[in-house]
């Protein structure tokens, strides 16, 4: 498999074309679900409906990622890493996080061109600003809704635990996630994207099924 997929014509041209077409289709289909989630968030904890933190983006340009708000207002003044059973997570937010429904609003990021369906998960600026050597390849592809690291760490809160989640993330997760992000940048292709899309759907459906059945 090519080791410079980020330089390919697929990454530079065709990938963006596919993103726009597919994202527009998904937004139309998911519109009723967007409205239901928005109403649930407002009824639970009021406005705002969305959470728009800054993340490191394509070509090292910061952008605001769009998520349905799952935490109390001003929660980002605390740790940037969510702990297991984090007290900042709202009742509705807990369900959205476990089923990954808080992420579907990022389709608007895809349409805007700040994100892609498949690509390295966007990282906090304090980490992207420290990228060195091969890590800079991560910024040569648009950040995505899912990638190798998203699947590997689909239960991230369970990995970082309840105490010192940020320290645990930096010590045990960040390096591995960056290695998987680099892997994607090197191997980006239509085949890779289809594989990751299908695998993500399977993992998310399994997780959502467990959550719903548990309830």
Protein backbone atom coordinates (compact mmCIF):
# COMPACT_ATOMS: atom_id res chain seq x y z
CA UNK A 1 0.00 0.00 0.00
CA UNK A 2 1.24 3.49 -0.81
CA UNK A 3 3.01 5.33 1.98
CA UNK A 4 2.29 8.82 0.67
CA UNK A 5 -1.45 8.63 0.20
CA UNK A 6 -1.77 12.21 1.42
CA UNK A 7 -0.12 13.29 -1.84
CA UNK A 8 -2.51 11.30 -4.02
CA UNK A 9 -5.04 12.82 -6.40
CA UNK A 10 -7.71 10.99 -4.42
CA UNK A 11 -6.84 12.90 -1.25
CA UNK A 12 -6.36 16.25 -3.01
CA UNK A 13 -9.43 16.18 -5.31
CA UNK A 14 -11.76 13.18 -5.43
CA UNK A 15 -12.11 12.66 -1.68
CA UNK A 16 -13.58 16.16 -1.27
CA UNK A 17 -16.07 15.55 -4.08
CA UNK A 18 -17.29 12.32 -2.48
CA UNK A 19 -17.55 14.03 0.93
CA UNK A 20 -19.85 16.77 -0.34
CA UNK A 21 -22.22 14.46 -2.20
CA UNK A 22 -22.50 11.88 0.58
CA UNK A 23 -22.74 14.44 3.41
CA UNK A 24 -25.56 16.34 1.70
CA UNK A 25 -27.49 13.09 1.30
CA UNK A 26 -26.99 12.11 4.95
CA UNK A 27 -28.04 15.56 6.22
CA UNK A 28 -31.36 15.33 4.36
CA UNK A 29 -32.04 11.84 5.71
CA UNK A 30 -30.98 12.70 9.28
CA UNK A 31 -32.83 16.02 9.53
CA UNK A 32 -35.64 14.60 11.73
CA UNK A 33 -33.05 13.10 14.08
CA UNK A 34 -31.22 16.45 14.28
CA UNK A 35 -34.47 18.13 15.34
CA UNK A 36 -35.22 15.47 17.96
CA UNK A 37 -31.71 15.69 19.44
CA UNK A 38 -31.82 19.50 19.46
CA UNK A 39 -35.16 19.47 21.26
CA UNK A 40 -33.89 16.92 23.80
CA UNK A 41 -30.80 19.02 24.58
CA UNK A 42 -32.88 22.19 25.07
CA UNK A 43 -35.48 20.45 27.26
CA UNK A 44 -32.73 18.86 29.36
CA UNK A 45 -30.37 21.79 29.95
CA UNK A 46 -31.43 24.67 27.69
CA UNK A 47 -29.37 26.41 25.03
CA UNK A 48 -26.93 26.26 23.33
CA UNK A 49 -27.67 23.12 21.35
CA UNK A 50 -24.19 22.85 19.88
CA UNK A 51 -20.69 22.82 21.30
CA UNK A 52 -18.09 24.43 19.00
CA UNK A 53 -14.54 24.04 20.37
CA UNK A 54 -11.42 24.91 18.40
CA UNK A 55 -9.41 22.04 16.91
CA UNK A 56 -6.30 21.74 14.77
CA UNK A 57 -7.29 21.43 11.13
CA UNK A 58 -6.18 20.75 7.58
CA UNK A 59 -2.88 22.46 6.71
CA UNK A 60 -2.63 23.45 10.39
CA UNK A 61 -5.59 25.85 10.18
CA UNK A 62 -7.70 25.85 13.38
CA UNK A 63 -11.44 25.37 12.94
CA UNK A 64 -14.52 24.96 15.12
CA UNK A 65 -15.79 21.40 15.25
CA UNK A 66 -19.58 21.10 15.61
CA UNK A 67 -20.98 18.71 18.21
CA UNK A 68 -24.31 18.40 19.92
CA UNK A 69 -23.71 19.69 23.44
CA UNK A 70 -23.39 16.80 25.88
CA UNK A 71 -22.01 18.64 28.89
CA UNK A 72 -23.15 21.40 31.20
CA UNK A 73 -22.51 24.97 30.06
CA UNK A 74 -18.89 26.18 30.39
CA UNK A 75 -17.71 22.60 30.92
CA UNK A 76 -14.70 23.30 28.68
CA UNK A 77 -13.21 25.45 31.45
CA UNK A 78 -12.24 22.18 33.08
CA UNK A 79 -10.22 19.27 31.70
CA UNK A 80 -10.12 18.86 27.92
CA UNK A 81 -10.39 15.09 28.35
CA UNK A 82 -13.65 13.49 29.43
CA UNK A 83 -13.36 11.13 32.38
CA UNK A 84 -15.32 7.96 32.98
CA UNK A 85 -18.63 8.96 34.61
CA UNK A 86 -17.67 12.63 34.22
CA UNK A 87 -20.01 14.75 36.34
CA UNK A 88 -20.11 17.43 33.63
CA UNK A 89 -22.00 15.17 31.22
CA UNK A 90 -25.75 15.82 31.09
CA UNK A 91 -28.45 13.16 31.18
CA UNK A 92 -29.18 13.48 27.46
CA UNK A 93 -25.47 13.94 26.76
CA UNK A 94 -24.62 10.58 28.28
CA UNK A 95 -26.91 8.81 25.82
CA UNK A 96 -25.65 10.86 22.87
CA UNK A 97 -22.04 10.05 23.72
CA UNK A 98 -22.60 6.35 24.21
CA UNK A 99 -24.41 6.05 20.88
CA UNK A 100 -22.08 8.54 19.11
CA UNK A 101 -25.09 10.63 18.03
CA UNK A 102 -23.36 13.78 19.27
CA UNK A 103 -20.95 13.38 16.34
CA UNK A 104 -23.50 13.42 13.49
CA UNK A 105 -23.63 17.22 13.50
CA UNK A 106 -20.09 17.12 12.09
CA UNK A 107 -21.64 16.41 8.71
CA UNK A 108 -21.94 20.21 8.48
CA UNK A 109 -18.17 20.43 9.01
CA UNK A 110 -17.79 17.98 6.14
CA UNK A 111 -19.97 20.10 3.86
CA UNK A 112 -18.03 23.24 4.87
CA UNK A 113 -14.74 21.55 4.01
CA UNK A 114 -13.16 21.73 7.46
CA UNK A 115 -13.59 17.97 7.93
CA UNK A 116 -13.98 14.75 5.95
CA UNK A 117 -15.98 11.61 6.61
CA UNK A 118 -12.78 9.64 7.12
CA UNK A 119 -9.65 11.24 8.50
CA UNK A 120 -7.61 11.73 11.68
CA UNK A 121 -9.85 12.73 14.57
CA UNK A 122 -9.38 16.47 15.26
CA UNK A 123 -7.16 17.18 18.23
CA UNK A 124 -6.86 20.01 20.75
CA UNK A 125 -4.66 22.89 19.58
CA UNK A 126 -2.31 22.42 22.52
CA UNK A 127 -1.42 19.01 21.05
CA UNK A 128 -1.39 19.82 17.32
CA UNK A 129 0.93 22.76 17.98
CA UNK A 130 3.45 20.24 19.33
CA UNK A 131 3.40 17.99 16.25
CA UNK A 132 6.91 17.19 15.12
CA UNK A 133 8.46 15.32 12.18
CA UNK A 134 6.10 12.59 10.96
CA UNK A 135 3.27 13.89 13.11
CA UNK A 136 3.00 16.86 10.75
CA UNK A 137 1.71 14.45 8.10
CA UNK A 138 -1.52 14.30 10.12
CA UNK A 139 -2.26 17.86 9.03
CA UNK A 140 -1.85 16.95 5.33
CA UNK A 141 -5.29 15.31 5.29
CA UNK A 142 -8.59 16.76 6.45
CA UNK A 143 -9.55 15.68 9.96
CA UNK A 144 -12.44 13.25 9.94
CA UNK A 145 -15.41 11.89 11.83
CA UNK A 146 -13.68 8.52 12.11
CA UNK A 147 -10.34 6.84 11.44
CA UNK A 148 -8.14 4.02 12.77
CA UNK A 149 -7.78 5.76 16.15
CA UNK A 150 -11.54 6.31 16.54
CA UNK A 151 -12.13 2.58 16.27
CA UNK A 152 -9.19 1.68 18.51
CA UNK A 153 -10.32 4.09 21.22
CA UNK A 154 -14.10 3.94 20.79
CA UNK A 155 -14.39 3.56 24.58
CA UNK A 156 -11.88 6.27 25.42
CA UNK A 157 -13.54 7.31 28.68
CA UNK A 158 -13.14 3.79 30.04
CA UNK A 159 -9.45 3.84 29.15
CA UNK A 160 -8.62 7.16 30.84
CA UNK A 161 -10.71 6.33 33.90
CA UNK A 162 -12.20 8.66 36.49
CA UNK A 163 -9.09 10.23 38.03
CA UNK A 164 -6.64 12.46 36.16
CA UNK A 165 -8.10 11.72 32.69
CA UNK A 166 -5.92 14.31 30.96
CA UNK A 167 -2.75 12.83 32.45
CA UNK A 168 -3.84 9.33 31.51
CA UNK A 169 -4.68 10.47 27.98
CA UNK A 170 -1.28 12.07 27.47
CA UNK A 171 0.56 9.14 29.02
CA UNK A 172 -1.24 6.15 27.51
CA UNK A 173 -3.35 7.29 24.56
CA UNK A 174 -1.98 10.33 22.71
CA UNK A 175 1.15 8.70 21.26
CA UNK A 176 -0.77 5.66 19.99
CA UNK A 177 -3.52 7.84 18.52
CA UNK A 178 -0.93 9.90 16.66
CA UNK A 179 0.69 6.76 15.30
CA UNK A 180 -2.71 5.66 13.95
CA UNK A 181 -3.35 9.14 12.54
CA UNK A 182 -0.01 9.01 10.73
CA UNK A 183 -0.92 5.55 9.43
CA UNK A 184 -4.09 7.00 7.92
CA UNK A 185 -2.26 9.95 6.32
CA UNK A 186 0.15 7.53 4.66
CA UNK A 187 -2.49 5.05 3.54
CA UNK A 188 -5.41 7.31 2.60
CA UNK A 189 -7.22 5.90 -0.42
CA UNK A 190 -10.74 5.04 -1.50
CA UNK A 191 -10.19 1.46 -0.36
CA UNK A 192 -8.99 2.59 3.08
CA UNK A 193 -11.92 4.98 3.47
CA UNK A 194 -14.54 2.38 2.54
CA UNK A 195 -12.96 -0.10 4.96
CA UNK A 196 -12.92 2.41 7.84
CA UNK A 197 -16.45 3.60 7.11
CA UNK A 198 -17.86 0.07 7.18
CA UNK A 199 -15.88 -0.91 10.27
CA UNK A 200 -16.98 2.25 12.10
CA UNK A 201 -20.65 1.66 11.30
CA UNK A 202 -20.35 -1.90 12.61
CA UNK A 203 -18.63 -0.86 15.85
CA UNK A 204 -21.01 2.04 16.50
CA UNK A 205 -24.09 -0.14 15.89
CA UNK A 206 -22.75 -2.77 18.29
CA UNK A 207 -22.10 -0.13 20.95
CA UNK A 208 -25.50 1.51 20.45
CA UNK A 209 -27.22 -1.89 20.66
CA UNK A 210 -25.51 -2.62 23.97
CA UNK A 211 -26.52 0.79 25.34
CA UNK A 212 -30.15 0.46 24.27
CA UNK A 213 -30.48 -3.12 25.50
CA UNK A 214 -28.88 -2.22 28.82
CA UNK A 215 -31.48 0.48 29.31
